[in-house]
Protein backbone atom coordinates (compact mmCIF):
# COMPACT_ATOMS: atom_id res chain seq x y z
CA MET A 1 0.03 0.02 0.00
CA THR A 2 1.09 3.51 -0.84
CA THR A 3 0.34 6.74 0.97
CA TYR A 4 -1.04 9.39 -1.31
CA PHE A 5 -1.53 13.01 -0.44
CA TYR A 6 -4.35 14.86 -1.82
CA GLN A 7 -5.78 18.31 -2.17
CA ALA A 8 -9.45 18.54 -2.78
CA THR A 9 -12.60 20.72 -2.26
CA ASP A 10 -15.77 19.73 -0.45
CA THR A 11 -19.24 20.44 -1.67
CA ALA A 12 -19.07 24.01 -0.05
CA GLY A 13 -15.83 24.83 -2.03
CA GLU A 14 -13.59 24.75 0.97
CA ILE A 15 -10.17 23.34 0.33
CA ILE A 16 -9.31 19.96 2.08
CA GLU A 17 -5.81 18.39 2.43
CA GLY A 18 -4.91 15.04 3.68
CA ASP A 19 -3.52 11.62 3.04
CA ILE A 20 -5.05 8.32 2.21
CA GLU A 21 -3.54 4.72 1.56
CA ALA A 22 -4.28 2.98 -1.68
CA PRO A 23 -2.51 0.28 -3.95
CA ASP A 24 -2.43 2.65 -6.95
CA TYR A 25 -3.18 6.21 -8.07
CA GLY A 26 -6.61 5.34 -9.62
CA ILE A 27 -7.98 3.94 -6.37
CA ALA A 28 -6.57 6.66 -4.33
CA VAL A 29 -8.68 9.12 -6.42
CA GLN A 30 -11.71 6.95 -6.00
CA LYS A 31 -11.31 6.99 -2.25
CA VAL A 32 -10.94 10.70 -2.26
CA ARG A 33 -14.22 10.90 -4.09
CA SER A 34 -15.94 8.45 -1.93
CA LEU A 35 -15.32 10.89 0.91
CA ASN A 36 -17.58 13.37 -1.14
CA TYR A 37 -14.60 15.53 -2.11
CA PHE A 38 -13.56 16.74 -5.37
CA PRO A 39 -9.87 15.95 -5.84
CA ILE A 40 -7.65 18.76 -7.29
CA LYS A 41 -4.39 16.88 -6.86
CA VAL A 42 -3.38 13.39 -5.87
CA SER A 43 0.34 12.57 -5.48
CA SER A 44 2.56 9.93 -3.67
CA GLU A 45 5.10 12.81 -2.94
CA LYS A 46 4.37 14.86 0.21
CA PRO A 47 4.20 18.59 -0.51
CA ASP A 48 6.65 20.65 1.53
CA THR A 49 4.07 23.13 2.87
CA SER A 50 0.40 23.36 2.71
CA ILE A 51 -1.13 25.19 -0.16
CA LEU A 52 -3.45 26.87 2.18
CA LYS A 53 -0.47 28.27 4.31
CA LYS A 54 1.22 29.29 1.16
CA TRP A 55 -2.06 31.21 0.05
CA LYS A 56 -2.53 33.00 3.58
CA ALA A 57 1.16 33.82 3.87
CA PRO A 58 1.85 37.46 2.91
CA THR A 59 3.65 37.71 -0.50
CA SER A 60 6.44 40.20 -0.74
CA ARG A 61 5.95 42.84 -3.62
CA ILE A 62 9.66 42.72 -4.21
CA PHE A 63 9.48 39.30 -5.72
CA SER A 64 6.17 39.71 -7.46
CA PHE A 65 5.99 40.22 -11.14
CA SER A 66 2.94 40.90 -13.53
CA LYS A 67 3.86 38.18 -15.99
CA VAL A 68 2.28 34.92 -15.49
CA THR A 69 4.91 32.17 -15.95
CA SER A 70 4.28 29.24 -18.10
CA TYR A 71 4.59 26.98 -15.08
CA GLU A 72 1.76 28.86 -13.30
CA LEU A 73 -0.37 28.87 -16.52
CA MET A 74 0.00 25.00 -16.63
CA ASN A 75 -1.00 24.57 -13.03
CA PHE A 76 -4.01 27.00 -13.61
CA THR A 77 -5.08 24.91 -16.60
CA GLN A 78 -4.61 21.49 -14.91
CA GLN A 79 -6.52 22.44 -11.66
CA LEU A 80 -9.29 24.12 -13.75
CA ALA A 81 -9.71 20.94 -15.91
CA THR A 82 -9.75 18.77 -12.75
CA LEU A 83 -12.46 20.79 -10.99
CA ILE A 84 -14.74 21.27 -14.05
CA SER A 85 -14.49 17.49 -14.80
CA SER A 86 -15.70 17.06 -11.13
CA LYS A 87 -18.91 18.79 -12.13
CA LEU A 88 -18.10 22.13 -10.49
CA THR A 89 -19.45 25.20 -12.14
CA LEU A 90 -16.82 27.35 -14.04
CA ASP A 91 -17.38 30.15 -11.50
CA LYS A 92 -16.81 28.01 -8.48
CA SER A 93 -13.87 26.34 -10.11
CA LEU A 94 -12.27 29.79 -11.10
CA THR A 95 -12.77 30.92 -7.42
CA ILE A 96 -11.07 27.89 -6.08
CA THR A 97 -8.14 27.94 -8.58
CA THR A 98 -7.58 31.59 -7.67
CA ARG A 99 -7.32 30.81 -4.01
CA LEU A 100 -4.79 28.02 -4.73
CA THR A 101 -2.54 30.74 -6.51
CA THR A 102 0.36 32.02 -4.27
CA LYS A 103 1.78 34.87 -6.28
CA GLU A 104 -0.10 38.16 -5.76
CA LYS A 105 -0.04 39.66 -9.28
CA THR A 106 -0.99 36.19 -10.81
CA ARG A 107 -3.91 35.75 -8.41
CA GLU A 108 -5.10 39.37 -9.35
CA THR A 109 -5.17 38.25 -12.98
CA PHE A 110 -7.16 35.06 -12.17
CA GLN A 111 -9.40 37.11 -9.79
CA ASP A 112 -10.27 39.58 -12.75
CA ILE A 113 -11.14 36.52 -15.04
CA GLN A 114 -13.36 35.17 -12.43
CA LYS A 115 -15.08 38.46 -11.94
CA ARG A 116 -15.71 38.74 -15.69
CA VAL A 117 -17.25 35.22 -15.93
CA HIS A 118 -19.43 35.81 -12.72
CA ALA A 119 -20.64 38.99 -14.42
CA GLY A 120 -21.84 37.06 -17.57
CA SER A 121 -18.81 37.08 -19.79
CA SER A 122 -17.88 34.05 -21.72
CA PHE A 123 -14.77 32.39 -20.41
CA ALA A 124 -12.90 32.79 -23.63
CA ASP A 125 -13.70 36.57 -23.66
CA ALA A 126 -12.41 36.79 -20.04
CA LEU A 127 -9.09 35.19 -21.04
CA ALA A 128 -8.77 37.38 -24.17
CA ALA A 129 -8.83 40.45 -21.87
CA HIS A 130 -5.33 39.32 -20.76
CA PRO A 131 -3.36 38.80 -24.07
CA ASP A 132 -0.02 38.97 -22.29
CA VAL A 133 -0.94 35.79 -20.34
CA PHE A 134 -3.30 33.83 -22.65
CA SER A 135 -2.23 33.44 -26.34
CA LYS A 136 -4.74 33.53 -29.29
CA MET A 137 -4.35 29.81 -29.57
CA TYR A 138 -5.24 29.26 -25.81
CA VAL A 139 -8.28 31.55 -26.09
CA ASN A 140 -9.58 29.97 -29.27
CA ILE A 141 -9.25 26.44 -27.87
CA VAL A 142 -11.26 27.38 -24.97
CA ARG A 143 -13.75 29.22 -27.12
CA ALA A 144 -14.23 26.01 -29.33
CA GLY A 145 -14.72 24.03 -26.08
CA GLU A 146 -17.32 26.49 -24.79
CA LEU A 147 -19.20 26.26 -28.07
CA GLY A 148 -18.97 22.48 -28.22
CA GLY A 149 -20.16 22.05 -24.55
CA ALA A 150 -16.80 20.21 -23.75
CA LEU A 151 -14.76 22.68 -21.82
CA ASP A 152 -13.49 20.10 -19.38
CA VAL A 153 -12.17 18.07 -22.38
CA VAL A 154 -10.37 20.83 -24.09
CA LEU A 155 -8.80 22.18 -20.87
CA ALA A 156 -7.53 18.73 -20.20
CA ARG A 157 -5.94 18.80 -23.66
CA LEU A 158 -4.49 22.20 -23.16
CA ALA A 159 -3.19 21.09 -19.67
CA ALA A 160 -1.34 18.06 -21.29
CA PHE A 161 -0.09 20.33 -24.23
CA LEU A 162 1.37 22.93 -21.74
CA GLU A 163 2.86 20.08 -19.40
CA ASN A 164 4.60 18.68 -22.33
CA ALA A 165 6.10 22.00 -23.46
CA GLU A 166 7.14 22.60 -19.73
CA GLU A 167 8.71 19.26 -19.53
CA THR A 168 10.65 19.79 -22.83
CA LYS A 169 11.86 23.11 -21.65
CA SER A 170 12.79 21.53 -18.37
CA LYS A 171 15.03 18.91 -20.15
CA ILE A 172 16.81 21.35 -22.31
CA LEU A 173 17.47 23.65 -19.16
CA SER A 174 18.70 20.61 -17.03
CA ALA A 175 20.91 19.40 -19.84
CA LEU A 176 22.55 22.86 -20.02
CA ILE A 177 23.30 23.17 -16.31
CA TYR A 178 26.42 20.93 -16.23
CA PRO A 179 28.04 22.66 -19.18
CA SER A 180 27.28 26.06 -17.68
CA ILE A 181 28.98 24.95 -14.46
CA LEU A 182 32.02 23.84 -16.29
CA ILE A 183 32.26 27.12 -18.28
CA LEU A 184 31.79 29.22 -15.19
CA ALA A 185 34.52 27.18 -13.41
CA GLY A 186 36.88 27.10 -16.15
CA VAL A 187 36.61 31.02 -16.75
CA GLY A 188 37.02 31.56 -13.11
CA ALA A 189 40.29 29.34 -12.97
CA VAL A 190 41.74 31.25 -16.09
CA VAL A 191 40.83 34.58 -14.58
CA PHE A 192 42.22 33.64 -11.15
CA LEU A 193 45.46 32.44 -12.82
CA MET A 194 45.94 35.54 -14.81
CA THR A 195 44.94 38.12 -12.19
CA PHE A 196 46.52 36.50 -8.92
CA VAL A 197 49.14 33.82 -9.86
CA VAL A 198 50.88 35.19 -12.91
CA PRO A 199 51.37 38.80 -11.53
CA LYS A 200 53.08 37.21 -8.38
CA LEU A 201 55.63 35.25 -10.65
CA SER A 202 56.11 38.17 -12.97
CA GLY A 203 58.90 39.63 -10.57
CA VAL A 204 60.96 36.61 -11.58
CA PHE A 205 61.27 37.86 -15.04
CA GLU A 206 61.98 41.47 -14.28
CA GLY A 207 65.30 42.43 -15.92
CA SER A 208 65.49 39.49 -17.92
CA GLY A 209 65.00 41.32 -21.31
CA ASP A 210 65.00 39.16 -24.43
CA ALA A 211 65.61 36.03 -22.42
CA VAL A 212 61.80 35.66 -21.70
CA PRO A 213 60.20 33.52 -24.43
CA LEU A 214 57.76 35.34 -26.67
CA VAL A 215 54.76 33.33 -25.43
CA THR A 216 55.59 34.01 -21.81
CA GLN A 217 55.97 37.78 -22.61
CA ILE A 218 52.44 37.82 -24.37
CA LEU A 219 51.09 36.08 -21.31
CA LEU A 220 52.63 38.66 -18.90
CA ASN A 221 51.23 41.49 -21.10
CA ILE A 222 47.70 39.94 -21.12
CA SER A 223 47.91 39.56 -17.21
CA HIS A 224 49.11 43.15 -16.76
CA ALA A 225 46.40 44.54 -18.89
CA MET A 226 43.77 42.39 -17.02
CA ASN A 227 44.91 43.89 -13.72
CA GLN A 228 45.43 47.50 -14.87
CA TYR A 229 42.35 47.76 -17.19
CA TRP A 230 39.91 45.13 -15.73
CA TRP A 231 37.18 47.72 -15.70
CA SER A 232 37.64 48.09 -19.62
CA PHE A 233 37.18 44.37 -19.98
CA GLY A 234 33.92 44.68 -17.91
CA ILE A 235 32.60 47.43 -19.92
CA GLY A 236 33.54 45.72 -23.25
CA LEU A 237 31.73 42.61 -22.29
CA ILE A 238 28.62 44.47 -21.15
CA ALA A 239 28.70 46.47 -24.38
CA ALA A 240 29.14 43.26 -26.51
CA ILE A 241 26.18 41.57 -24.75
CA LEU A 242 24.07 44.74 -25.19
CA VAL A 243 24.98 45.11 -28.96
CA PHE A 244 24.27 41.41 -29.41
CA TRP A 245 20.95 41.64 -27.73
CA LEU A 246 19.85 44.66 -29.80
CA PHE A 247 21.06 42.78 -32.88
CA LEU A 248 18.68 39.77 -32.08
CA LYS A 249 15.79 42.17 -31.36
CA SER A 250 16.07 43.66 -34.83
CA ASP A 251 14.13 41.93 -37.62
CA PHE A 252 17.41 41.75 -39.75
CA GLY A 253 19.50 40.28 -36.89
CA LYS A 254 16.79 37.80 -35.84
CA ASN A 255 16.43 36.56 -39.36
CA LEU A 256 20.21 36.26 -39.92
CA TRP A 257 20.72 34.49 -36.52
CA ASP A 258 18.01 32.03 -37.35
CA GLN A 259 19.44 31.34 -40.80
CA LEU A 260 22.92 30.70 -39.08
CA VAL A 261 21.41 28.35 -36.37
CA LEU A 262 19.84 26.18 -39.14
CA LYS A 263 23.01 25.80 -40.97
CA LEU A 264 25.09 24.68 -37.84
CA PRO A 265 25.93 20.84 -38.21
CA VAL A 266 24.52 19.85 -34.87
CA PHE A 267 22.26 22.48 -33.54
CA GLY A 268 20.51 23.03 -36.93
CA ASP A 269 19.07 19.54 -36.80
CA LEU A 270 18.06 19.97 -33.26
CA VAL A 271 16.20 23.12 -33.87
CA ARG A 272 14.29 21.54 -36.70
CA LYS A 273 13.18 18.61 -34.58
CA ILE A 274 12.15 20.94 -31.69
CA GLU A 275 10.03 23.06 -34.08
CA MET A 276 8.51 20.01 -35.72
CA SER A 277 7.46 18.71 -32.33
CA ARG A 278 6.07 22.05 -31.57
CA PHE A 279 4.19 22.56 -34.75
CA SER A 280 2.72 18.92 -34.70
CA ARG A 281 1.54 18.90 -31.16
CA THR A 282 0.19 22.43 -31.44
CA THR A 283 -1.86 21.63 -34.68
CA ALA A 284 -3.07 18.43 -33.11
CA THR A 285 -4.29 20.00 -29.95
CA LEU A 286 -6.05 22.77 -31.98
CA LEU A 287 -7.73 20.20 -34.31
CA LYS A 288 -8.95 17.85 -31.59
CA SER A 289 -10.36 20.77 -29.65
CA GLY A 290 -12.53 21.78 -32.72
CA VAL A 291 -10.70 24.64 -34.10
CA PRO A 292 -11.10 24.84 -37.85
CA VAL A 293 -7.96 23.81 -39.80
CA LEU A 294 -7.35 27.16 -41.50
CA GLN A 295 -7.66 28.95 -38.31
CA ALA A 296 -5.45 26.58 -36.45
CA LEU A 297 -2.69 26.88 -39.09
CA SER A 298 -2.77 30.72 -38.46
CA PHE A 299 -2.25 30.20 -34.79
CA VAL A 300 0.49 27.58 -35.19
CA HIS A 301 2.45 30.04 -37.25
CA SER A 302 2.95 32.23 -34.07
CA VAL A 303 4.25 29.46 -31.86
CA ILE A 304 7.28 28.73 -34.21
CA SER A 305 10.21 30.71 -32.81
CA ASN A 306 12.66 30.28 -35.76
CA ARG A 307 11.72 32.97 -38.33
CA VAL A 308 13.05 30.99 -41.20
CA ILE A 309 10.89 27.93 -40.54
CA ALA A 310 7.88 30.19 -39.71
CA SER A 311 8.19 32.03 -43.01
CA ALA A 312 8.49 28.65 -44.92
CA MET A 313 5.19 27.75 -43.29
CA ALA A 314 3.37 30.65 -44.62
CA PRO A 315 1.98 29.03 -47.69
CA LEU A 316 0.28 26.23 -45.73
CA GLN A 317 -3.00 28.02 -45.71
CA GLU A 318 -2.92 28.67 -49.47
CA GLY A 319 -1.93 25.19 -50.11
CA LEU A 320 -4.84 24.00 -48.16
CA LYS A 321 -7.45 26.11 -49.87
CA SER A 322 -6.02 24.82 -53.25
CA GLY A 323 -6.65 21.22 -52.14
CA GLN A 324 -2.89 20.47 -51.48
CA GLY A 325 -3.36 19.53 -47.81
CA ILE A 326 -0.63 20.26 -45.28
CA SER A 327 1.94 17.78 -46.36
CA ARG A 328 2.71 19.08 -49.94
CA PRO A 329 3.50 22.62 -48.76
CA LEU A 330 5.63 21.35 -46.07
CA GLN A 331 7.53 19.24 -48.53
CA LYS A 332 8.00 22.26 -50.80
CA ALA A 333 9.25 24.33 -47.61
CA ASP A 334 12.13 21.76 -47.16
CA VAL A 335 12.70 22.84 -43.45
CA PHE A 336 11.28 19.86 -41.71
CA PRO A 337 12.72 16.23 -41.57
CA PRO A 338 11.64 13.91 -44.36
CA LEU A 339 10.19 11.32 -41.89
CA ALA A 340 7.87 13.86 -40.28
CA ILE A 341 6.43 14.79 -43.71
CA HIS A 342 5.89 11.15 -44.62
CA MET A 343 4.06 10.49 -41.43
CA ILE A 344 1.88 13.66 -42.11
CA VAL A 345 1.11 12.28 -45.75
CA VAL A 346 0.01 8.89 -44.23
CA GLY A 347 -2.06 10.76 -41.64
CA GLU A 348 -4.01 12.83 -44.42
CA GLU A 349 -4.48 9.80 -46.69
CA THR A 350 -5.91 7.60 -43.92
CA GLY A 351 -8.08 10.57 -42.57
CA GLU A 352 -6.26 10.26 -39.21
CA LEU A 353 -4.20 13.55 -39.37
CA GLU A 354 -4.65 14.56 -35.73
CA ASP A 355 -3.61 11.14 -34.40
CA MET A 356 -0.70 11.08 -36.84
CA LEU A 357 0.37 14.59 -35.68
CA VAL A 358 0.42 13.51 -32.01
CA LYS A 359 2.68 10.44 -33.11
CA VAL A 360 4.95 12.79 -34.92
CA ALA A 361 5.24 15.11 -31.84
CA ASP A 362 5.90 12.08 -29.67
CA THR A 363 8.61 10.76 -32.04
CA TYR A 364 10.41 14.13 -32.33
CA ASP A 365 10.26 14.62 -28.49
CA LYS A 366 12.18 11.54 -28.13
CA GLU A 367 14.67 12.46 -31.00
CA VAL A 368 15.15 15.77 -29.28
CA ASN A 369 16.04 14.25 -25.94
CA ASN A 370 18.32 11.74 -27.77
CA ALA A 371 19.96 14.56 -29.70
CA ILE A 372 20.57 16.51 -26.70
CA GLN A 373 22.14 13.66 -24.87
CA ARG A 374 24.38 13.03 -27.97
CA THR A 375 25.43 16.49 -28.26
CA LEU A 376 26.33 16.63 -24.60
CA LYS A 377 28.50 13.55 -24.99
CA ILE A 378 30.52 15.41 -27.53
CA PHE A 379 30.41 18.97 -26.14
CA GLU A 380 31.22 18.19 -22.46
CA PRO A 381 34.71 16.51 -23.23
CA ALA A 382 35.51 19.00 -25.79
CA LEU A 383 34.76 21.74 -23.27
CA VAL A 384 36.91 19.93 -20.57
CA LEU A 385 39.76 19.69 -23.07
CA SER A 386 39.56 23.24 -24.12
CA ILE A 387 39.57 24.64 -20.51
CA GLY A 388 42.21 22.07 -19.38
CA GLY A 389 44.29 22.99 -22.50
CA THR A 390 44.12 26.77 -21.68
CA ILE A 391 45.15 26.22 -18.14
CA ILE A 392 47.94 23.88 -19.25
CA PHE A 393 49.14 26.66 -21.75
CA ILE A 394 49.21 29.30 -19.10
CA VAL A 395 51.15 26.92 -16.65
CA ALA A 396 53.55 25.79 -19.43
CA SER A 397 54.25 29.37 -20.56
CA ILE A 398 55.30 30.45 -17.23
CA LEU A 399 57.47 27.30 -16.57
CA MET A 400 59.21 27.82 -19.95
CA GLY A 401 59.96 31.39 -19.00
CA MET A 402 61.34 30.39 -15.52
CA MET A 403 63.54 27.69 -17.24
CA GLU A 404 65.10 30.15 -19.71
CA VAL A 405 65.73 32.78 -16.92
CA THR A 406 67.35 29.97 -14.66
CA ASN A 407 69.53 28.79 -17.47
CA ILE A 408 70.85 32.37 -18.01
CA ILE A 409 71.56 32.78 -14.45
CA MET A 410 73.37 29.59 -14.07
């Protein structure tokens, strides 16, 4: 038997927390429902602190931001889907979900949505009043669910979609942690050697003149510049980052950068797979939620981050209107992997495009994960070797100079 911890609401809408023993997750949910509670979350992992305590605790305005994070949006959608599927009204579900929100600014956004719905607005229109939080895709999926009387179903699909996107982002960020630590440690070691160790040894070479090897002299000059003009290095680094950021913000810079990324031998293929997965899963979610295919394609265009790929997808709507389907314009665009195009062709021919798009997304999610692991296996040793080589070069340059000076003295 496993102990499951649950968060639920009673018939009055009050939040209840507790634990229950059950052989598996499904039976645990049934036991919570048998207590006449509406389960919000059931997990075998015990939460660190009570959600109610988190909600009642004062939130510091210093750490409060207006933007709702993708993780908070995912939680909001998951909780709302669970509550509505438990036969609670939308108004009551929004009230409970708002109370479960810990960040003040986020809670204010959800409170405004709840007030609009309570005043008679449709849920989709209430969401559309906050375009910085809810994308057009999100709003139109909800609108389709409201019109079709299946709001709980489309919210569950949206929750699964957002959860998958959050999981993919988490995997990529996790994969970058170790290389980032290596880079910081390597740069720190080099800076320490050049600003503390080398200057202390530079006195050995004073008065040696031409006896100091050229490579050692260059190293000493760099070390001297870093110590005397460290502020200029800092200003230069900040200026370079600012110029690069402004470059990427411009249309020309963004297009040029996206073209360059796609041409890179390893990263270009990885970007194509990520965008293919994003395109497939987003399109499948929209179509399964009842959004018309032409309208769905117009929303999908906005979720593709690489502008080269996004512009290559522009003819999709025209191709669909002329009876070419989705697959033929994608083939002409020549930006996505051939396997993905072939799977979409099969989906169109068999009339199961939505299911095939989900399979494409699942396939390329695995491909992305495998590609990241393969890239790290190559990148991490190369990074270690380059950092180690730099440190060895510094040490060897100093030793060469000391040996030359020692030979002259002897």
